[in-house]
Amino acid sequence: MADLKKKLQEELEASRRHLGYSYDKVRAIPLDGPLGEEEMETLESFSSRFARHSDLIVSKYWRMLAREKDPAFRGSPINVISLGEKYGWISDAAA
């Protein structure tokens, strides 16, 4: 389990770096006019990286942490998010 946890933490860190790179590019896009193909591609990349990072957190990392606390846990992603609030991983599951 420790090896899996370390691997997931490394995967999350790499994902966070990629997301940060895309976020910096998105912040530079002016939103007061029509968007060109390059801007649309940048927004699509950010959206995909955000979705992947969120999935890594909830579906893999938090699920693994939940199973550390309760090996029988087999809940849905919403159950995982609720446990995240219960264990203090996030402040508000409903937000």
Protein backbone atom coordinates (compact mmCIF):
# COMPACT_ATOMS: atom_id res chain seq x y z
CA MET A 1 0.00 0.00 0.00
CA ALA A 2 2.88 2.39 0.75
CA ASP A 3 4.29 1.93 -2.76
CA LEU A 4 0.89 2.62 -4.32
CA LYS A 5 0.44 5.71 -2.15
CA LYS A 6 3.86 7.06 -3.13
CA LYS A 7 3.17 6.37 -6.82
CA LEU A 8 -0.19 8.16 -6.64
CA GLN A 9 1.39 11.12 -4.84
CA GLU A 10 4.01 11.40 -7.60
CA GLU A 11 1.29 11.14 -10.25
CA LEU A 12 -0.71 13.86 -8.49
CA GLU A 13 2.31 16.15 -8.30
CA ALA A 14 3.02 15.73 -12.02
CA SER A 15 -0.65 16.33 -12.79
CA ARG A 16 -0.63 19.47 -10.60
CA ARG A 17 2.40 20.84 -12.47
CA HIS A 18 0.73 20.26 -15.85
CA LEU A 19 -2.48 21.86 -14.59
CA GLY A 20 -0.53 24.86 -13.28
CA TYR A 21 1.18 25.29 -16.65
CA SER A 22 -2.19 25.25 -18.43
CA TYR A 23 -3.70 27.62 -15.84
CA ASP A 24 -0.93 30.16 -16.44
CA LYS A 25 -1.65 30.03 -20.18
CA VAL A 26 -5.41 30.38 -19.64
CA ARG A 27 -4.94 33.43 -17.44
CA ALA A 28 -3.22 35.20 -20.35
CA ILE A 29 -6.20 34.77 -22.69
CA PRO A 30 -8.19 38.00 -23.11
CA LEU A 31 -11.87 37.27 -22.60
CA ASP A 32 -13.25 40.49 -24.07
CA GLY A 33 -13.48 39.30 -27.67
CA PRO A 34 -13.80 36.24 -29.88
CA LEU A 35 -11.38 33.41 -29.27
CA GLY A 36 -9.12 31.96 -31.94
CA GLU A 37 -8.22 28.33 -32.46
CA GLU A 38 -5.09 28.57 -30.30
CA GLU A 39 -7.01 30.10 -27.39
CA MET A 40 -9.73 27.46 -27.71
CA GLU A 41 -7.09 24.73 -27.74
CA THR A 42 -5.49 26.21 -24.61
CA LEU A 43 -8.86 26.28 -22.84
CA GLU A 44 -9.54 22.68 -23.90
CA SER A 45 -6.16 21.58 -22.58
CA PHE A 46 -6.81 23.29 -19.25
CA SER A 47 -10.26 21.70 -19.02
CA SER A 48 -8.88 18.23 -19.74
CA ARG A 49 -6.04 18.62 -17.24
CA PHE A 50 -8.43 19.89 -14.57
CA ALA A 51 -10.74 16.91 -15.11
CA ARG A 52 -7.83 14.46 -14.98
CA HIS A 53 -6.41 16.03 -11.81
CA SER A 54 -9.82 15.97 -10.12
CA ASP A 55 -10.30 12.34 -11.12
CA LEU A 56 -6.88 11.40 -9.73
CA ILE A 57 -7.71 13.04 -6.41
CA VAL A 58 -11.20 11.61 -5.92
CA SER A 59 -11.24 8.31 -7.78
CA LYS A 60 -7.77 7.14 -6.92
CA TYR A 61 -6.05 8.99 -4.08
CA TRP A 62 -8.98 9.72 -1.74
CA ARG A 63 -10.46 6.29 -2.47
CA MET A 64 -7.15 4.72 -1.42
CA LEU A 65 -7.12 6.85 1.76
CA ALA A 66 -10.73 5.84 2.48
CA ARG A 67 -9.80 2.16 2.14
CA GLU A 68 -6.89 2.67 4.54
CA LYS A 69 -9.44 3.83 7.13
CA ASP A 70 -12.08 1.25 6.16
CA PRO A 71 -10.84 -1.67 4.02
CA ALA A 72 -14.44 -2.63 3.19
CA PHE A 73 -15.25 0.81 1.69
CA ARG A 74 -16.70 0.53 -1.82
CA GLY A 75 -18.62 3.80 -2.12
CA SER A 76 -19.37 5.98 -5.13
CA PRO A 77 -17.36 9.13 -5.95
CA ILE A 78 -19.97 11.15 -4.03
CA ASN A 79 -19.39 8.91 -1.01
CA VAL A 80 -15.65 9.47 -1.37
CA ILE A 81 -16.17 13.26 -1.44
CA SER A 82 -18.41 13.06 1.65
CA LEU A 83 -15.68 11.10 3.44
CA GLY A 84 -13.24 13.80 2.33
CA GLU A 85 -15.29 16.31 4.27
CA LYS A 86 -15.63 13.96 7.26
CA TYR A 87 -11.85 13.39 7.43
CA GLY A 88 -10.97 17.04 6.77
CA TRP A 89 -9.54 16.57 3.27
CA ILE A 90 -11.95 19.30 2.08
CA SER A 91 -13.94 21.82 4.06
CA ASP A 92 -17.35 21.45 2.39
CA ALA A 93 -18.51 18.53 0.21
CA ALA A 94 -21.51 20.52 -1.02
CA ALA A 95 -19.53 23.51 -2.31
